[in-house]
Amino acid sequence: MKTRMILAKVLGLVAVVAAGAFGYMSYQNNHAPELGVSQGRLKPLPDKPNCISSQTDQPGKKVAPLPFKATPQETLAALKKAIEEYGQEQILEQTQDYLHVVFSSPTIGFRDDVEFWLDQPNQVVQVRSASRVGYSDMGVNRQRYEAISKLYQAL
């Protein structure tokens, strides 16, 4: 009888901890982090491997910036078209030189924040893509960047 009580308490504690962890992950997944451009830089990447950026020096997380089209307006239009063709997106913020897009995985619904900043002095599009939750993304952010890059450059 005593063993059952202890087991019931342990299982109850495990359930509480699991519910708390799920709640935290759900909160993180449903709330966009503070992002944007500050002093010519996108936000630095976290230490986790589930992200990429054209402005990082971290090995394995570095990607090339995208080349500009003829004008900033054409660049932004081509970016939006490539993103739309890729799919599973929601544009959260758009200015004349910045896009913050959220991509959701179709099965689990995990969200990734992807930023595109038109770095006009350097005539390139700086990119940052990071998963909101978890540790590894199994290369999804890099694969998405490569697919969008191909779509964008084909326009």
C-alpha atoms as a PDB file:
ATOM      1  CA  MET A   1       0.000   0.000   0.000  1.00  0.00           C
ATOM      2  CA  LYS A   2       2.840   2.383   0.890  1.00  0.00           C
ATOM      3  CA  THR A   3       4.551   1.681  -2.444  1.00  0.00           C
ATOM      4  CA  ARG A   4       1.364   2.602  -4.330  1.00  0.00           C
ATOM      5  CA  MET A   5       1.105   5.910  -2.478  1.00  0.00           C
ATOM      6  CA  ILE A   6       4.707   6.771  -3.270  1.00  0.00           C
ATOM      7  CA  LEU A   7       4.226   5.764  -6.914  1.00  0.00           C
ATOM      8  CA  ALA A   8       1.040   7.851  -7.123  1.00  0.00           C
ATOM      9  CA  LYS A   9       2.870  10.895  -5.703  1.00  0.00           C
ATOM     10  CA  VAL A  10       5.803  10.441  -8.084  1.00  0.00           C
ATOM     11  CA  LEU A  11       3.481  10.093 -11.076  1.00  0.00           C
ATOM     12  CA  GLY A  12       1.549  13.151  -9.937  1.00  0.00           C
ATOM     13  CA  LEU A  13       4.769  15.146  -9.688  1.00  0.00           C
ATOM     14  CA  VAL A  14       5.884  13.953 -13.130  1.00  0.00           C
ATOM     15  CA  ALA A  15       2.520  15.021 -14.566  1.00  0.00           C
ATOM     16  CA  VAL A  16       2.838  18.494 -13.015  1.00  0.00           C
ATOM     17  CA  VAL A  17       6.376  18.935 -14.344  1.00  0.00           C
ATOM     18  CA  ALA A  18       5.370  17.694 -17.812  1.00  0.00           C
ATOM     19  CA  ALA A  19       2.364  20.039 -17.882  1.00  0.00           C
ATOM     20  CA  GLY A  20       4.586  22.951 -16.876  1.00  0.00           C
ATOM     21  CA  ALA A  21       7.168  22.138 -19.553  1.00  0.00           C
ATOM     22  CA  PHE A  22       4.458  21.773 -22.194  1.00  0.00           C
ATOM     23  CA  GLY A  23       2.905  25.060 -21.083  1.00  0.00           C
ATOM     24  CA  TYR A  24       6.243  26.836 -21.312  1.00  0.00           C
ATOM     25  CA  MET A  25       6.971  25.396 -24.772  1.00  0.00           C
ATOM     26  CA  SER A  26       3.478  26.324 -25.919  1.00  0.00           C
ATOM     27  CA  TYR A  27       3.924  29.879 -24.638  1.00  0.00           C
ATOM     28  CA  GLN A  28       7.315  30.205 -26.378  1.00  0.00           C
ATOM     29  CA  ASN A  29       5.954  28.764 -29.620  1.00  0.00           C
ATOM     30  CA  ASN A  30       3.027  31.202 -29.667  1.00  0.00           C
ATOM     31  CA  HIS A  31       4.873  34.430 -28.804  1.00  0.00           C
ATOM     32  CA  ALA A  32       7.266  36.120 -31.197  1.00  0.00           C
ATOM     33  CA  PRO A  33      10.582  37.167 -29.688  1.00  0.00           C
ATOM     34  CA  GLU A  34      11.810  40.761 -29.933  1.00  0.00           C
ATOM     35  CA  LEU A  35      13.677  40.943 -33.208  1.00  0.00           C
ATOM     36  CA  GLY A  36      14.673  43.578 -35.734  1.00  0.00           C
ATOM     37  CA  VAL A  37      17.705  45.531 -36.862  1.00  0.00           C
ATOM     38  CA  SER A  38      19.865  47.529 -34.473  1.00  0.00           C
ATOM     39  CA  GLN A  39      22.949  49.447 -35.603  1.00  0.00           C
ATOM     40  CA  GLY A  40      23.078  47.580 -38.901  1.00  0.00           C
ATOM     41  CA  ARG A  41      22.824  44.123 -37.350  1.00  0.00           C
ATOM     42  CA  LEU A  42      20.121  41.526 -36.911  1.00  0.00           C
ATOM     43  CA  LYS A  43      19.847  40.063 -33.414  1.00  0.00           C
ATOM     44  CA  PRO A  44      22.717  37.689 -32.495  1.00  0.00           C
ATOM     45  CA  LEU A  45      21.966  33.966 -32.663  1.00  0.00           C
ATOM     46  CA  PRO A  46      21.370  31.858 -29.554  1.00  0.00           C
ATOM     47  CA  ASP A  47      23.829  29.130 -28.567  1.00  0.00           C
ATOM     48  CA  LYS A  48      21.494  26.383 -29.803  1.00  0.00           C
ATOM     49  CA  PRO A  49      22.087  24.788 -33.228  1.00  0.00           C
ATOM     50  CA  ASN A  50      18.536  25.494 -34.470  1.00  0.00           C
ATOM     51  CA  CYS A  51      19.348  28.742 -36.282  1.00  0.00           C
ATOM     52  CA  ILE A  52      21.280  30.355 -39.138  1.00  0.00           C
ATOM     53  CA  SER A  53      22.333  33.888 -40.065  1.00  0.00           C
ATOM     54  CA  SER A  54      24.235  35.757 -42.727  1.00  0.00           C
ATOM     55  CA  GLN A  55      25.694  37.998 -40.007  1.00  0.00           C
ATOM     56  CA  THR A  56      27.195  35.399 -37.694  1.00  0.00           C
ATOM     57  CA  ASP A  57      30.736  34.169 -37.335  1.00  0.00           C
ATOM     58  CA  GLN A  58      29.595  30.917 -35.697  1.00  0.00           C
ATOM     59  CA  PRO A  59      30.751  27.911 -37.734  1.00  0.00           C
ATOM     60  CA  GLY A  60      27.897  25.824 -39.083  1.00  0.00           C
ATOM     61  CA  LYS A  61      25.381  28.653 -38.691  1.00  0.00           C
ATOM     62  CA  LYS A  62      26.693  31.022 -41.359  1.00  0.00           C
ATOM     63  CA  VAL A  63      24.838  31.471 -44.657  1.00  0.00           C
ATOM     64  CA  ALA A  64      25.503  33.886 -47.506  1.00  0.00           C
ATOM     65  CA  PRO A  65      23.416  37.048 -47.749  1.00  0.00           C
ATOM     66  CA  LEU A  66      21.144  37.244 -50.763  1.00  0.00           C
ATOM     67  CA  PRO A  67      22.134  39.565 -53.621  1.00  0.00           C
ATOM     68  CA  PHE A  68      20.122  42.704 -54.304  1.00  0.00           C
ATOM     69  CA  LYS A  69      17.892  42.984 -57.344  1.00  0.00           C
ATOM     70  CA  ALA A  70      18.004  46.213 -59.417  1.00  0.00           C
ATOM     71  CA  THR A  71      16.232  48.307 -56.757  1.00  0.00           C
ATOM     72  CA  PRO A  72      15.239  47.880 -53.111  1.00  0.00           C
ATOM     73  CA  GLN A  73      11.585  47.755 -54.196  1.00  0.00           C
ATOM     74  CA  GLU A  74      12.302  44.932 -56.667  1.00  0.00           C
ATOM     75  CA  THR A  75      14.343  43.146 -54.002  1.00  0.00           C
ATOM     76  CA  LEU A  76      11.497  43.287 -51.485  1.00  0.00           C
ATOM     77  CA  ALA A  77       8.937  42.213 -54.096  1.00  0.00           C
ATOM     78  CA  ALA A  78      11.101  39.244 -55.137  1.00  0.00           C
ATOM     79  CA  LEU A  79      11.611  38.236 -51.502  1.00  0.00           C
ATOM     80  CA  LYS A  80       7.878  38.294 -50.841  1.00  0.00           C
ATOM     81  CA  LYS A  81       7.188  36.255 -53.979  1.00  0.00           C
ATOM     82  CA  ALA A  82       9.830  33.639 -53.067  1.00  0.00           C
ATOM     83  CA  ILE A  83       8.466  33.410 -49.520  1.00  0.00           C
ATOM     84  CA  GLU A  84       4.919  33.035 -50.824  1.00  0.00           C
ATOM     85  CA  GLU A  85       5.991  30.299 -53.257  1.00  0.00           C
ATOM     86  CA  TYR A  86       7.754  28.457 -50.433  1.00  0.00           C
ATOM     87  CA  GLY A  87       4.548  28.561 -48.345  1.00  0.00           C
ATOM     88  CA  GLN A  88       3.594  27.967 -44.699  1.00  0.00           C
ATOM     89  CA  GLU A  89       4.327  31.589 -43.856  1.00  0.00           C
ATOM     90  CA  GLN A  90       2.817  34.545 -42.056  1.00  0.00           C
ATOM     91  CA  ILE A  91       4.339  37.991 -42.428  1.00  0.00           C
ATOM     92  CA  LEU A  92       4.372  39.595 -38.972  1.00  0.00           C
ATOM     93  CA  GLU A  93       6.149  42.819 -39.842  1.00  0.00           C
ATOM     94  CA  GLN A  94       7.046  44.588 -43.047  1.00  0.00           C
ATOM     95  CA  THR A  95       8.767  47.912 -43.672  1.00  0.00           C
ATOM     96  CA  GLN A  96      10.561  49.280 -46.740  1.00  0.00           C
ATOM     97  CA  ASP A  97      13.722  47.380 -45.813  1.00  0.00           C
ATOM     98  CA  TYR A  98      12.688  44.586 -43.432  1.00  0.00           C
ATOM     99  CA  LEU A  99      10.498  41.483 -43.298  1.00  0.00           C
ATOM    100  CA  HIS A 100       9.759  39.361 -40.221  1.00  0.00           C
ATOM    101  CA  VAL A 101       8.138  36.134 -41.343  1.00  0.00           C
ATOM    102  CA  VAL A 102       6.948  33.194 -39.256  1.00  0.00           C
ATOM    103  CA  PHE A 103       7.028  29.729 -40.766  1.00  0.00           C
ATOM    104  CA  SER A 104       5.111  26.881 -39.134  1.00  0.00           C
ATOM    105  CA  SER A 105       5.818  23.197 -39.531  1.00  0.00           C
ATOM    106  CA  PRO A 106       2.743  21.540 -41.036  1.00  0.00           C
ATOM    107  CA  THR A 107       2.718  18.531 -38.708  1.00  0.00           C
ATOM    108  CA  ILE A 108       3.685  19.726 -35.242  1.00  0.00           C
ATOM    109  CA  GLY A 109       3.119  23.459 -35.635  1.00  0.00           C
ATOM    110  CA  PHE A 110       6.510  24.590 -34.332  1.00  0.00           C
ATOM    111  CA  ARG A 111       7.247  28.147 -35.399  1.00  0.00           C
ATOM    112  CA  ASP A 112      10.454  29.639 -36.749  1.00  0.00           C
ATOM    113  CA  ASP A 113      11.121  33.375 -37.004  1.00  0.00           C
ATOM    114  CA  VAL A 114      12.846  34.426 -40.215  1.00  0.00           C
ATOM    115  CA  GLU A 115      14.085  37.949 -40.866  1.00  0.00           C
ATOM    116  CA  PHE A 116      15.165  39.565 -44.104  1.00  0.00           C
ATOM    117  CA  TRP A 117      16.851  42.965 -43.916  1.00  0.00           C
ATOM    118  CA  LEU A 118      17.759  44.960 -47.008  1.00  0.00           C
ATOM    119  CA  ASP A 119      21.294  46.066 -46.152  1.00  0.00           C
ATOM    120  CA  GLN A 120      21.398  48.886 -48.699  1.00  0.00           C
ATOM    121  CA  PRO A 121      24.974  50.099 -48.023  1.00  0.00           C
ATOM    122  CA  ASN A 122      26.254  46.590 -48.878  1.00  0.00           C
ATOM    123  CA  GLN A 123      23.588  45.861 -51.531  1.00  0.00           C
ATOM    124  CA  VAL A 124      22.666  42.495 -49.968  1.00  0.00           C
ATOM    125  CA  VAL A 125      19.775  40.984 -48.025  1.00  0.00           C
ATOM    126  CA  GLN A 126      20.865  39.883 -44.565  1.00  0.00           C
ATOM    127  CA  VAL A 127      19.010  36.821 -43.257  1.00  0.00           C
ATOM    128  CA  ARG A 128      18.373  35.379 -39.791  1.00  0.00           C
ATOM    129  CA  SER A 129      16.279  32.286 -39.099  1.00  0.00           C
ATOM    130  CA  ALA A 130      15.749  30.705 -35.679  1.00  0.00           C
ATOM    131  CA  SER A 131      13.388  28.188 -34.125  1.00  0.00           C
ATOM    132  CA  ARG A 132      11.349  29.461 -31.184  1.00  0.00           C
ATOM    133  CA  VAL A 133      11.469  26.224 -29.205  1.00  0.00           C
ATOM    134  CA  GLY A 134      13.620  23.157 -28.915  1.00  0.00           C
ATOM    135  CA  TYR A 135      17.311  22.593 -29.350  1.00  0.00           C
ATOM    136  CA  SER A 136      17.895  20.989 -32.729  1.00  0.00           C
ATOM    137  CA  ASP A 137      15.852  21.724 -35.828  1.00  0.00           C
ATOM    138  CA  MET A 138      17.295  18.838 -37.889  1.00  0.00           C
ATOM    139  CA  GLY A 139      18.581  21.424 -40.394  1.00  0.00           C
ATOM    140  CA  VAL A 140      15.150  22.867 -41.198  1.00  0.00           C
ATOM    141  CA  ASN A 141      16.198  26.532 -40.977  1.00  0.00           C
ATOM    142  CA  ARG A 142      19.131  25.989 -43.357  1.00  0.00           C
ATOM    143  CA  GLN A 143      17.021  23.915 -45.782  1.00  0.00           C
ATOM    144  CA  ARG A 144      14.323  26.616 -45.822  1.00  0.00           C
ATOM    145  CA  TYR A 145      16.923  29.327 -46.426  1.00  0.00           C
ATOM    146  CA  GLU A 146      18.413  27.351 -49.340  1.00  0.00           C
ATOM    147  CA  ALA A 147      14.977  26.766 -50.894  1.00  0.00           C
ATOM    148  CA  ILE A 148      13.930  30.419 -50.552  1.00  0.00           C
ATOM    149  CA  SER A 149      17.335  31.518 -51.858  1.00  0.00           C
ATOM    150  CA  LYS A 150      16.867  29.415 -55.015  1.00  0.00           C
ATOM    151  CA  LEU A 151      13.320  30.722 -55.528  1.00  0.00           C
ATOM    152  CA  TYR A 152      14.474  34.322 -54.977  1.00  0.00           C
ATOM    153  CA  GLN A 153      17.467  34.078 -57.311  1.00  0.00           C
ATOM    154  CA  ALA A 154      15.317  32.533 -60.055  1.00  0.00           C
ATOM    155  CA  LEU A 155      13.100  35.634 -60.132  1.00  0.00           C
END
